[in-house]
C-alpha atoms as a PDB file:
ATOM      1  CA  UNK A   1      13.498  15.179  12.536  1.00  0.00           C
ATOM      2  CA  UNK A   2      14.475  18.540  11.100  1.00  0.00           C
ATOM      3  CA  UNK A   3      12.004  20.792   9.334  1.00  0.00           C
ATOM      4  CA  UNK A   4      14.779  22.264   7.195  1.00  0.00           C
ATOM      5  CA  UNK A   5      16.639  20.724   4.276  1.00  0.00           C
ATOM      6  CA  UNK A   6      19.336  22.106   2.006  1.00  0.00           C
ATOM      7  CA  UNK A   7      18.180  22.180  -1.608  1.00  0.00           C
ATOM      8  CA  UNK A   8      20.881  21.091  -4.049  1.00  0.00           C
ATOM      9  CA  UNK A   9      21.158  23.512  -6.974  1.00  0.00           C
ATOM     10  CA  UNK A  10      24.117  21.881  -8.725  1.00  0.00           C
ATOM     11  CA  UNK A  11      23.207  18.227  -9.320  1.00  0.00           C
ATOM     12  CA  UNK A  12      20.633  17.505 -12.053  1.00  0.00           C
ATOM     13  CA  UNK A  13      18.050  14.946 -10.912  1.00  0.00           C
ATOM     14  CA  UNK A  14      17.675  12.001 -13.265  1.00  0.00           C
ATOM     15  CA  UNK A  15      15.025   9.348 -13.758  1.00  0.00           C
ATOM     16  CA  UNK A  16      11.659   9.164 -12.003  1.00  0.00           C
ATOM     17  CA  UNK A  17      10.962  11.828  -9.373  1.00  0.00           C
ATOM     18  CA  UNK A  18       8.659  11.703  -6.336  1.00  0.00           C
ATOM     19  CA  UNK A  19       7.401  14.837  -4.631  1.00  0.00           C
ATOM     20  CA  UNK A  20       5.195  15.915  -1.750  1.00  0.00           C
ATOM     21  CA  UNK A  21       2.490  18.510  -2.349  1.00  0.00           C
ATOM     22  CA  UNK A  22       0.486  20.579   0.114  1.00  0.00           C
ATOM     23  CA  UNK A  23      -2.667  22.375  -0.969  1.00  0.00           C
ATOM     24  CA  UNK A  24      -5.735  24.224   0.170  1.00  0.00           C
ATOM     25  CA  UNK A  25      -8.475  22.604  -1.861  1.00  0.00           C
ATOM     26  CA  UNK A  26     -11.073  25.358  -1.410  1.00  0.00           C
ATOM     27  CA  UNK A  27     -10.809  26.688  -4.963  1.00  0.00           C
ATOM     28  CA  UNK A  28     -10.355  23.348  -6.738  1.00  0.00           C
ATOM     29  CA  UNK A  29     -12.571  20.555  -8.015  1.00  0.00           C
ATOM     30  CA  UNK A  30     -10.195  18.121  -6.321  1.00  0.00           C
ATOM     31  CA  UNK A  31      -6.924  16.550  -7.395  1.00  0.00           C
ATOM     32  CA  UNK A  32      -7.876  15.112 -10.785  1.00  0.00           C
ATOM     33  CA  UNK A  33      -7.443  17.232 -13.897  1.00  0.00           C
ATOM     34  CA  UNK A  34     -10.763  18.266 -15.485  1.00  0.00           C
ATOM     35  CA  UNK A  35     -11.539  20.337 -18.565  1.00  0.00           C
ATOM     36  CA  UNK A  36     -14.370  22.350 -17.016  1.00  0.00           C
ATOM     37  CA  UNK A  37     -12.925  23.258 -13.581  1.00  0.00           C
ATOM     38  CA  UNK A  38      -9.587  24.081 -11.905  1.00  0.00           C
ATOM     39  CA  UNK A  39      -7.739  21.124 -10.356  1.00  0.00           C
ATOM     40  CA  UNK A  40      -4.621  20.607  -8.269  1.00  0.00           C
ATOM     41  CA  UNK A  41      -3.178  18.196 -10.813  1.00  0.00           C
ATOM     42  CA  UNK A  42      -3.701  20.702 -13.629  1.00  0.00           C
ATOM     43  CA  UNK A  43      -2.025  23.520 -11.707  1.00  0.00           C
ATOM     44  CA  UNK A  44       0.936  21.323 -10.712  1.00  0.00           C
ATOM     45  CA  UNK A  45       1.489  19.975 -14.222  1.00  0.00           C
ATOM     46  CA  UNK A  46       1.370  23.484 -15.657  1.00  0.00           C
ATOM     47  CA  UNK A  47       3.961  24.755 -13.145  1.00  0.00           C
ATOM     48  CA  UNK A  48       6.339  21.819 -13.633  1.00  0.00           C
ATOM     49  CA  UNK A  49       5.880  22.071 -17.392  1.00  0.00           C
ATOM     50  CA  UNK A  50       7.233  25.608 -17.310  1.00  0.00           C
ATOM     51  CA  UNK A  51      10.404  24.358 -15.588  1.00  0.00           C
ATOM     52  CA  UNK A  52      10.800  21.518 -18.076  1.00  0.00           C
ATOM     53  CA  UNK A  53       9.810  23.539 -21.125  1.00  0.00           C
ATOM     54  CA  UNK A  54       7.362  20.817 -22.200  1.00  0.00           C
ATOM     55  CA  UNK A  55       4.265  18.978 -21.015  1.00  0.00           C
ATOM     56  CA  UNK A  56       4.464  16.844 -17.869  1.00  0.00           C
ATOM     57  CA  UNK A  57       1.998  14.277 -16.504  1.00  0.00           C
ATOM     58  CA  UNK A  58       1.878  13.790 -12.726  1.00  0.00           C
ATOM     59  CA  UNK A  59       0.449  10.726 -10.918  1.00  0.00           C
ATOM     60  CA  UNK A  60      -0.672  10.907  -7.271  1.00  0.00           C
ATOM     61  CA  UNK A  61      -1.099   8.545  -4.335  1.00  0.00           C
ATOM     62  CA  UNK A  62      -4.844   9.138  -4.065  1.00  0.00           C
ATOM     63  CA  UNK A  63      -7.385  11.536  -5.519  1.00  0.00           C
ATOM     64  CA  UNK A  64      -9.183  14.035  -3.286  1.00  0.00           C
ATOM     65  CA  UNK A  65     -12.667  15.529  -3.612  1.00  0.00           C
ATOM     66  CA  UNK A  66     -13.654  19.102  -4.325  1.00  0.00           C
ATOM     67  CA  UNK A  67     -12.750  21.390  -1.424  1.00  0.00           C
ATOM     68  CA  UNK A  68     -10.586  18.792   0.364  1.00  0.00           C
ATOM     69  CA  UNK A  69      -7.100  19.789   1.534  1.00  0.00           C
ATOM     70  CA  UNK A  70      -3.792  17.897   1.649  1.00  0.00           C
ATOM     71  CA  UNK A  71      -0.575  18.287   3.613  1.00  0.00           C
ATOM     72  CA  UNK A  72       1.296  15.242   2.278  1.00  0.00           C
ATOM     73  CA  UNK A  73       0.005  14.284  -1.145  1.00  0.00           C
ATOM     74  CA  UNK A  74       2.707  12.107  -2.713  1.00  0.00           C
ATOM     75  CA  UNK A  75       3.016  12.185  -6.495  1.00  0.00           C
ATOM     76  CA  UNK A  76       5.538  11.146  -9.131  1.00  0.00           C
ATOM     77  CA  UNK A  77       6.463  12.017 -12.712  1.00  0.00           C
ATOM     78  CA  UNK A  78       9.063  11.171 -15.317  1.00  0.00           C
ATOM     79  CA  UNK A  79      10.848  14.422 -16.214  1.00  0.00           C
ATOM     80  CA  UNK A  80      11.739  14.905 -19.877  1.00  0.00           C
ATOM     81  CA  UNK A  81      14.759  17.036 -18.885  1.00  0.00           C
ATOM     82  CA  UNK A  82      17.194  17.075 -15.959  1.00  0.00           C
ATOM     83  CA  UNK A  83      16.859  19.901 -13.453  1.00  0.00           C
ATOM     84  CA  UNK A  84      18.283  20.360  -9.961  1.00  0.00           C
ATOM     85  CA  UNK A  85      16.311  19.779  -6.767  1.00  0.00           C
ATOM     86  CA  UNK A  86      16.221  23.523  -6.129  1.00  0.00           C
ATOM     87  CA  UNK A  87      15.033  24.265  -9.659  1.00  0.00           C
ATOM     88  CA  UNK A  88      12.102  21.857  -9.387  1.00  0.00           C
ATOM     89  CA  UNK A  89      11.030  22.979  -5.887  1.00  0.00           C
ATOM     90  CA  UNK A  90      11.666  26.730  -6.082  1.00  0.00           C
ATOM     91  CA  UNK A  91      10.775  27.009  -9.760  1.00  0.00           C
ATOM     92  CA  UNK A  92       7.641  24.927  -9.336  1.00  0.00           C
ATOM     93  CA  UNK A  93       6.474  26.950  -6.337  1.00  0.00           C
ATOM     94  CA  UNK A  94       7.182  30.230  -8.142  1.00  0.00           C
ATOM     95  CA  UNK A  95       4.773  29.130 -10.867  1.00  0.00           C
ATOM     96  CA  UNK A  96       2.116  27.658  -8.581  1.00  0.00           C
ATOM     97  CA  UNK A  97      -0.779  29.622  -7.055  1.00  0.00           C
ATOM     98  CA  UNK A  98      -0.396  30.493  -3.368  1.00  0.00           C
ATOM     99  CA  UNK A  99      -2.743  27.698  -2.260  1.00  0.00           C
ATOM    100  CA  UNK A 100      -0.496  24.907  -3.642  1.00  0.00           C
ATOM    101  CA  UNK A 101       3.156  24.207  -2.724  1.00  0.00           C
ATOM    102  CA  UNK A 102       5.789  21.543  -3.419  1.00  0.00           C
ATOM    103  CA  UNK A 103       7.387  20.514  -0.102  1.00  0.00           C
ATOM    104  CA  UNK A 104      10.216  18.303  -1.415  1.00  0.00           C
ATOM    105  CA  UNK A 105      11.297  16.304  -4.455  1.00  0.00           C
ATOM    106  CA  UNK A 106      13.485  13.170  -4.677  1.00  0.00           C
ATOM    107  CA  UNK A 107      14.886  10.688  -7.177  1.00  0.00           C
ATOM    108  CA  UNK A 108      13.202   7.286  -6.916  1.00  0.00           C
ATOM    109  CA  UNK A 109      13.677   3.985  -8.778  1.00  0.00           C
ATOM    110  CA  UNK A 110      11.760   3.579 -12.026  1.00  0.00           C
ATOM    111  CA  UNK A 111       9.481   0.925 -10.490  1.00  0.00           C
ATOM    112  CA  UNK A 112       8.209   3.327  -7.814  1.00  0.00           C
ATOM    113  CA  UNK A 113       4.579   4.321  -8.304  1.00  0.00           C
ATOM    114  CA  UNK A 114       2.926   6.799  -5.962  1.00  0.00           C
ATOM    115  CA  UNK A 115      -0.425   5.005  -6.141  1.00  0.00           C
ATOM    116  CA  UNK A 116       0.321   1.329  -6.597  1.00  0.00           C
ATOM    117  CA  UNK A 117       3.225   1.180  -4.119  1.00  0.00           C
ATOM    118  CA  UNK A 118       1.299   2.908  -1.318  1.00  0.00           C
ATOM    119  CA  UNK A 119       0.646   0.790   1.782  1.00  0.00           C
ATOM    120  CA  UNK A 120      -1.873   3.132   3.387  1.00  0.00           C
ATOM    121  CA  UNK A 121      -3.529   6.542   3.196  1.00  0.00           C
ATOM    122  CA  UNK A 122      -4.401   8.649   6.203  1.00  0.00           C
ATOM    123  CA  UNK A 123      -6.939  11.436   6.691  1.00  0.00           C
ATOM    124  CA  UNK A 124      -7.836  13.788   9.517  1.00  0.00           C
ATOM    125  CA  UNK A 125     -11.248  15.417   9.695  1.00  0.00           C
ATOM    126  CA  UNK A 126     -11.406  18.591  11.808  1.00  0.00           C
ATOM    127  CA  UNK A 127     -14.665  19.775  13.383  1.00  0.00           C
ATOM    128  CA  UNK A 128     -14.837  23.111  15.192  1.00  0.00           C
ATOM    129  CA  UNK A 129     -17.462  22.462  17.864  1.00  0.00           C
ATOM    130  CA  UNK A 130     -18.610  25.789  19.289  1.00  0.00           C
ATOM    131  CA  UNK A 131     -21.773  27.946  19.297  1.00  0.00           C
ATOM    132  CA  UNK A 132     -20.402  30.763  17.109  1.00  0.00           C
ATOM    133  CA  UNK A 133     -19.402  30.336  13.483  1.00  0.00           C
ATOM    134  CA  UNK A 134     -15.655  30.087  12.759  1.00  0.00           C
ATOM    135  CA  UNK A 135     -13.662  32.908  11.229  1.00  0.00           C
ATOM    136  CA  UNK A 136      -9.952  32.075  11.037  1.00  0.00           C
ATOM    137  CA  UNK A 137     -10.652  28.339  10.665  1.00  0.00           C
ATOM    138  CA  UNK A 138     -13.636  28.645   8.300  1.00  0.00           C
ATOM    139  CA  UNK A 139     -11.780  27.215   5.269  1.00  0.00           C
ATOM    140  CA  UNK A 140     -10.117  24.235   6.967  1.00  0.00           C
ATOM    141  CA  UNK A 141     -12.595  23.009   9.590  1.00  0.00           C
ATOM    142  CA  UNK A 142     -16.273  22.084   9.595  1.00  0.00           C
ATOM    143  CA  UNK A 143     -18.434  23.983  12.043  1.00  0.00           C
ATOM    144  CA  UNK A 144     -20.894  22.153  14.296  1.00  0.00           C
ATOM    145  CA  UNK A 145     -22.849  24.358  16.712  1.00  0.00           C
ATOM    146  CA  UNK A 146     -24.409  21.449  18.628  1.00  0.00           C
ATOM    147  CA  UNK A 147     -22.423  19.820  21.474  1.00  0.00           C
ATOM    148  CA  UNK A 148     -20.699  16.619  20.330  1.00  0.00           C
ATOM    149  CA  UNK A 149     -19.862  13.618  22.504  1.00  0.00           C
ATOM    150  CA  UNK A 150     -16.444  12.678  21.093  1.00  0.00           C
ATOM    151  CA  UNK A 151     -16.175   9.605  23.348  1.00  0.00           C
ATOM    152  CA  UNK A 152     -19.439   8.211  21.981  1.00  0.00           C
ATOM    153  CA  UNK A 153     -18.268   8.912  18.427  1.00  0.00           C
ATOM    154  CA  UNK A 154     -14.997   7.074  19.080  1.00  0.00           C
ATOM    155  CA  UNK A 155     -16.793   4.091  20.600  1.00  0.00           C
ATOM    156  CA  UNK A 156     -19.239   3.863  17.696  1.00  0.00           C
ATOM    157  CA  UNK A 157     -16.463   4.061  15.107  1.00  0.00           C
ATOM    158  CA  UNK A 158     -14.452   1.061  16.322  1.00  0.00           C
ATOM    159  CA  UNK A 159     -16.731  -1.403  14.532  1.00  0.00           C
ATOM    160  CA  UNK A 160     -15.292  -0.065  11.255  1.00  0.00           C
ATOM    161  CA  UNK A 161     -11.737  -1.244  12.009  1.00  0.00           C
ATOM    162  CA  UNK A 162     -10.694  -4.178   9.860  1.00  0.00           C
ATOM    163  CA  UNK A 163     -11.655  -5.393   6.382  1.00  0.00           C
ATOM    164  CA  UNK A 164     -15.294  -4.673   5.506  1.00  0.00           C
ATOM    165  CA  UNK A 165     -17.760  -3.990   2.733  1.00  0.00           C
ATOM    166  CA  UNK A 166     -18.174  -0.202   3.039  1.00  0.00           C
ATOM    167  CA  UNK A 167     -21.109   0.104   0.614  1.00  0.00           C
ATOM    168  CA  UNK A 168     -23.064   2.164   3.163  1.00  0.00           C
ATOM    169  CA  UNK A 169     -20.308   4.781   3.123  1.00  0.00           C
ATOM    170  CA  UNK A 170     -19.482   5.089  -0.589  1.00  0.00           C
ATOM    171  CA  UNK A 171     -20.792   7.763  -2.948  1.00  0.00           C
ATOM    172  CA  UNK A 172     -23.439   6.786  -5.491  1.00  0.00           C
ATOM    173  CA  UNK A 173     -21.003   7.680  -8.279  1.00  0.00           C
ATOM    174  CA  UNK A 174     -18.030   5.780  -6.828  1.00  0.00           C
ATOM    175  CA  UNK A 175     -16.091   4.117  -9.656  1.00  0.00           C
ATOM    176  CA  UNK A 176     -14.278   1.494  -7.571  1.00  0.00           C
ATOM    177  CA  UNK A 177     -14.873  -2.075  -8.700  1.00  0.00           C
ATOM    178  CA  UNK A 178     -15.222  -3.252  -5.095  1.00  0.00           C
ATOM    179  CA  UNK A 179     -16.614  -1.755  -1.860  1.00  0.00           C
ATOM    180  CA  UNK A 180     -14.131  -3.709   0.289  1.00  0.00           C
ATOM    181  CA  UNK A 181     -11.487  -1.738   2.163  1.00  0.00           C
ATOM    182  CA  UNK A 182      -9.246  -2.421   5.169  1.00  0.00           C
ATOM    183  CA  UNK A 183      -9.526   0.317   7.793  1.00  0.00           C
ATOM    184  CA  UNK A 184      -6.372   0.203   9.927  1.00  0.00           C
ATOM    185  CA  UNK A 185      -7.602   2.502  12.683  1.00  0.00           C
ATOM    186  CA  UNK A 186     -10.076   5.269  13.425  1.00  0.00           C
ATOM    187  CA  UNK A 187      -9.868   7.569  16.439  1.00  0.00           C
ATOM    188  CA  UNK A 188     -12.079  10.436  17.591  1.00  0.00           C
ATOM    189  CA  UNK A 189     -10.684  12.871  20.147  1.00  0.00           C
ATOM    190  CA  UNK A 190     -11.625  16.258  21.532  1.00  0.00           C
ATOM    191  CA  UNK A 191      -9.000  18.985  21.975  1.00  0.00           C
ATOM    192  CA  UNK A 192     -10.786  21.987  23.416  1.00  0.00           C
ATOM    193  CA  UNK A 193     -13.292  23.116  20.761  1.00  0.00           C
ATOM    194  CA  UNK A 194     -11.758  20.802  18.138  1.00  0.00           C
ATOM    195  CA  UNK A 195     -13.125  17.318  17.524  1.00  0.00           C
ATOM    196  CA  UNK A 196     -10.732  15.359  15.301  1.00  0.00           C
ATOM    197  CA  UNK A 197     -11.525  12.148  13.430  1.00  0.00           C
ATOM    198  CA  UNK A 198      -8.215  10.464  12.525  1.00  0.00           C
ATOM    199  CA  UNK A 199      -8.332   7.390  10.288  1.00  0.00           C
ATOM    200  CA  UNK A 200      -6.123   5.270   8.044  1.00  0.00           C
ATOM    201  CA  UNK A 201      -6.857   2.533   5.514  1.00  0.00           C
ATOM    202  CA  UNK A 202      -5.235   0.713   2.629  1.00  0.00           C
ATOM    203  CA  UNK A 203      -7.413   2.959   0.416  1.00  0.00           C
ATOM    204  CA  UNK A 204     -10.714   4.831   0.556  1.00  0.00           C
ATOM    205  CA  UNK A 205     -13.877   4.834  -1.527  1.00  0.00           C
ATOM    206  CA  UNK A 206     -15.312   8.023  -3.021  1.00  0.00           C
ATOM    207  CA  UNK A 207     -16.729  10.146  -0.149  1.00  0.00           C
ATOM    208  CA  UNK A 208     -16.037   7.288   2.305  1.00  0.00           C
ATOM    209  CA  UNK A 209     -14.413   9.454   4.980  1.00  0.00           C
ATOM    210  CA  UNK A 210     -16.977  12.242   4.685  1.00  0.00           C
ATOM    211  CA  UNK A 211     -19.859   9.752   4.890  1.00  0.00           C
ATOM    212  CA  UNK A 212     -18.350   8.097   7.961  1.00  0.00           C
ATOM    213  CA  UNK A 213     -17.923  11.486   9.637  1.00  0.00           C
ATOM    214  CA  UNK A 214     -21.496  12.472   8.777  1.00  0.00           C
ATOM    215  CA  UNK A 215     -22.776   9.353  10.532  1.00  0.00           C
ATOM    216  CA  UNK A 216     -20.483   9.883  13.524  1.00  0.00           C
ATOM    217  CA  UNK A 217     -21.750  13.444  14.001  1.00  0.00           C
ATOM    218  CA  UNK A 218     -25.275  12.007  14.266  1.00  0.00           C
ATOM    219  CA  UNK A 219     -24.007   9.825  17.109  1.00  0.00           C
ATOM    220  CA  UNK A 220     -22.121  12.718  18.688  1.00  0.00           C
ATOM    221  CA  UNK A 221     -25.274  14.851  18.752  1.00  0.00           C
ATOM    222  CA  UNK A 222     -27.137  12.070  20.552  1.00  0.00           C
ATOM    223  CA  UNK A 223     -29.567  11.536  17.681  1.00  0.00           C
ATOM    224  CA  UNK A 224     -28.393   7.921  17.346  1.00  0.00           C
ATOM    225  CA  UNK A 225     -26.837   5.451  19.757  1.00  0.00           C
ATOM    226  CA  UNK A 226     -23.313   4.051  19.586  1.00  0.00           C
ATOM    227  CA  UNK A 227     -24.638   1.032  17.651  1.00  0.00           C
ATOM    228  CA  UNK A 228     -25.649   3.281  14.745  1.00  0.00           C
ATOM    229  CA  UNK A 229     -22.436   2.790  12.743  1.00  0.00           C
ATOM    230  CA  UNK A 230     -22.614  -0.992  13.134  1.00  0.00           C
ATOM    231  CA  UNK A 231     -26.185  -0.970  11.771  1.00  0.00           C
ATOM    232  CA  UNK A 232     -25.198   1.145   8.771  1.00  0.00           C
ATOM    233  CA  UNK A 233     -22.202  -1.064   8.021  1.00  0.00           C
ATOM    234  CA  UNK A 234     -24.387  -4.184   8.081  1.00  0.00           C
ATOM    235  CA  UNK A 235     -27.011  -2.624   5.777  1.00  0.00           C
ATOM    236  CA  UNK A 236     -24.529  -2.154   2.896  1.00  0.00           C
ATOM    237  CA  UNK A 237     -26.848   0.468   1.440  1.00  0.00           C
ATOM    238  CA  UNK A 238     -25.777   4.095   1.004  1.00  0.00           C
ATOM    239  CA  UNK A 239     -29.385   5.275   0.520  1.00  0.00           C
ATOM    240  CA  UNK A 240     -30.056   4.449   4.177  1.00  0.00           C
ATOM    241  CA  UNK A 241     -27.016   6.363   5.451  1.00  0.00           C
ATOM    242  CA  UNK A 242     -26.502   9.836   6.889  1.00  0.00           C
ATOM    243  CA  UNK A 243     -25.537  13.113   5.229  1.00  0.00           C
ATOM    244  CA  UNK A 244     -22.092  13.607   3.706  1.00  0.00           C
ATOM    245  CA  UNK A 245     -19.880  15.869   5.823  1.00  0.00           C
ATOM    246  CA  UNK A 246     -18.510  19.004   4.063  1.00  0.00           C
ATOM    247  CA  UNK A 247     -15.172  18.777   2.263  1.00  0.00           C
ATOM    248  CA  UNK A 248     -13.631  21.785   4.024  1.00  0.00           C
ATOM    249  CA  UNK A 249     -12.903  19.823   7.210  1.00  0.00           C
ATOM    250  CA  UNK A 250     -11.092  16.967   5.484  1.00  0.00           C
ATOM    251  CA  UNK A 251      -7.289  16.821   5.225  1.00  0.00           C
ATOM    252  CA  UNK A 252      -5.228  14.177   3.384  1.00  0.00           C
ATOM    253  CA  UNK A 253      -2.275  13.985   5.805  1.00  0.00           C
ATOM    254  CA  UNK A 254      -0.150  10.973   4.894  1.00  0.00           C
ATOM    255  CA  UNK A 255       0.642   8.255   2.405  1.00  0.00           C
ATOM    256  CA  UNK A 256       2.576   5.343   3.876  1.00  0.00           C
ATOM    257  CA  UNK A 257       5.227   3.508   1.843  1.00  0.00           C
ATOM    258  CA  UNK A 258       7.729   0.798   2.579  1.00  0.00           C
ATOM    259  CA  UNK A 259      10.982   2.205   3.917  1.00  0.00           C
ATOM    260  CA  UNK A 260      12.854   0.740   0.932  1.00  0.00           C
ATOM    261  CA  UNK A 261      11.785   3.831  -1.053  1.00  0.00           C
ATOM    262  CA  UNK A 262      13.466   6.154   1.485  1.00  0.00           C
ATOM    263  CA  UNK A 263      10.975   8.992   1.127  1.00  0.00           C
ATOM    264  CA  UNK A 264      11.412  11.938   3.515  1.00  0.00           C
ATOM    265  CA  UNK A 265       9.548  12.003   6.817  1.00  0.00           C
ATOM    266  CA  UNK A 266       7.281  14.971   7.470  1.00  0.00           C
ATOM    267  CA  UNK A 267       5.126  16.317  10.295  1.00  0.00           C
ATOM    268  CA  UNK A 268       1.526  15.224  10.044  1.00  0.00           C
ATOM    269  CA  UNK A 269      -0.834  18.000   9.109  1.00  0.00           C
ATOM    270  CA  UNK A 270      -2.686  20.175   9.229  1.00  0.00           C
ATOM    271  CA  UNK A 271      -0.494  22.586  11.209  1.00  0.00           C
ATOM    272  CA  UNK A 272      -3.632  23.437  13.182  1.00  0.00           C
ATOM    273  CA  UNK A 273      -3.033  20.092  14.952  1.00  0.00           C
ATOM    274  CA  UNK A 274       0.735  20.329  15.432  1.00  0.00           C
ATOM    275  CA  UNK A 275       0.218  20.494  19.199  1.00  0.00           C
ATOM    276  CA  UNK A 276      -0.749  16.795  19.162  1.00  0.00           C
ATOM    277  CA  UNK A 277       2.939  15.958  18.888  1.00  0.00           C
ATOM    278  CA  UNK A 278       2.603  13.052  16.434  1.00  0.00           C
ATOM    279  CA  UNK A 279       5.037  14.380  13.869  1.00  0.00           C
ATOM    280  CA  UNK A 280       5.045  11.442  11.501  1.00  0.00           C
ATOM    281  CA  UNK A 281       2.547   8.698  10.838  1.00  0.00           C
ATOM    282  CA  UNK A 282       4.774   5.812  11.857  1.00  0.00           C
ATOM    283  CA  UNK A 283       2.220   3.460  13.366  1.00  0.00           C
ATOM    284  CA  UNK A 284       2.393  -0.322  12.945  1.00  0.00           C
ATOM    285  CA  UNK A 285       0.565  -1.527   9.848  1.00  0.00           C
ATOM    286  CA  UNK A 286      -1.767  -4.533  10.134  1.00  0.00           C
ATOM    287  CA  UNK A 287      -0.474  -7.941   9.146  1.00  0.00           C
ATOM    288  CA  UNK A 288      -2.635  -8.428   6.064  1.00  0.00           C
ATOM    289  CA  UNK A 289      -2.191  -9.647   2.466  1.00  0.00           C
ATOM    290  CA  UNK A 290      -2.388  -6.168   0.918  1.00  0.00           C
ATOM    291  CA  UNK A 291       0.512  -4.830   2.977  1.00  0.00           C
ATOM    292  CA  UNK A 292       2.581  -7.949   2.286  1.00  0.00           C
ATOM    293  CA  UNK A 293       1.797  -7.769  -1.450  1.00  0.00           C
ATOM    294  CA  UNK A 294       2.765  -4.102  -1.743  1.00  0.00           C
ATOM    295  CA  UNK A 295       6.016  -4.826   0.093  1.00  0.00           C
ATOM    296  CA  UNK A 296       6.857  -7.622  -2.344  1.00  0.00           C
ATOM    297  CA  UNK A 297       6.591 -10.309   0.324  1.00  0.00           C
ATOM    298  CA  UNK A 298       5.407 -13.815  -0.657  1.00  0.00           C
ATOM    299  CA  UNK A 299       1.778 -14.706   0.035  1.00  0.00           C
ATOM    300  CA  UNK A 300      -0.205 -17.849  -0.717  1.00  0.00           C
ATOM    301  CA  UNK A 301      -1.604 -18.040  -4.255  1.00  0.00           C
ATOM    302  CA  UNK A 302      -5.204 -18.504  -3.089  1.00  0.00           C
ATOM    303  CA  UNK A 303      -4.886 -15.562  -0.701  1.00  0.00           C
ATOM    304  CA  UNK A 304      -3.474 -13.367  -3.478  1.00  0.00           C
ATOM    305  CA  UNK A 305      -6.358 -14.296  -5.778  1.00  0.00           C
ATOM    306  CA  UNK A 306      -8.893 -13.552  -3.042  1.00  0.00           C
ATOM    307  CA  UNK A 307      -7.203 -10.216  -2.348  1.00  0.00           C
ATOM    308  CA  UNK A 308      -7.303  -9.228  -6.021  1.00  0.00           C
ATOM    309  CA  UNK A 309     -10.952 -10.199  -6.309  1.00  0.00           C
ATOM    310  CA  UNK A 310     -12.147  -8.417  -3.156  1.00  0.00           C
ATOM    311  CA  UNK A 311      -9.896  -5.376  -2.958  1.00  0.00           C
ATOM    312  CA  UNK A 312      -8.984  -4.716  -6.577  1.00  0.00           C
ATOM    313  CA  UNK A 313      -5.931  -2.657  -7.483  1.00  0.00           C
ATOM    314  CA  UNK A 314      -6.486   0.268  -5.154  1.00  0.00           C
END
């Protein structure tokens, strides 16, 4: 896979467009546009609107919280005018603040939707585990001064894999109609002073990743045993859970789509973890109704109804 791609400046792009956005979320209230605070969506729509000469509305694969970063946030919009690939990417980036960048842009069929066609979302949470406070990594990693047992954290986390009611790990203000999500995998590894929590699911609840990490850190410190996560999961009560981990360590690193959409492959972020060597997130997806449904594959009527009722349109 090449990191470099020639940007066409001659051919106007027509129809629906998909793009990949990278951002440092430190200065933003999150992805979603708000009237009272700066947002990534607001900044992106303003920049693209200058290229189009009119207002543009952008839809994303999954919203992020205040202070959370992204290296592969997939979004789409319907441009009111035709512009070249180079005009959208270079022009958009010229009008964006330095902490947001468009990585690529592509034509996609009109039935593509960045949110409703997504098969999975993936996050990485980065903890800098050392006695002294971080300097260069202070904005993109969470500092923990107490020694963490990453192996114990990994062992405790495995009970979360599969389809569960994640009520114990959702924010009090979560607007999802259902607490059920399918966690595809969760891994905790140590790389020198870095402890990385890597997880993927069909979708996530509000603060779900940060609440899971907060509970895992309690295990890593030795304050709770490896059965702690299983107990929290069974309780289905957020008020009995642990603290919410800070947003600065969380990175939205991938949205997985069916290959029929032919979206570009990219290295997984953040670049702080490039040494891991897993350049793209091409891991096997679980054989489950949600994946089959999003791929347009036939599923039994009763299974589809159960899926709609338990998972909602996430």
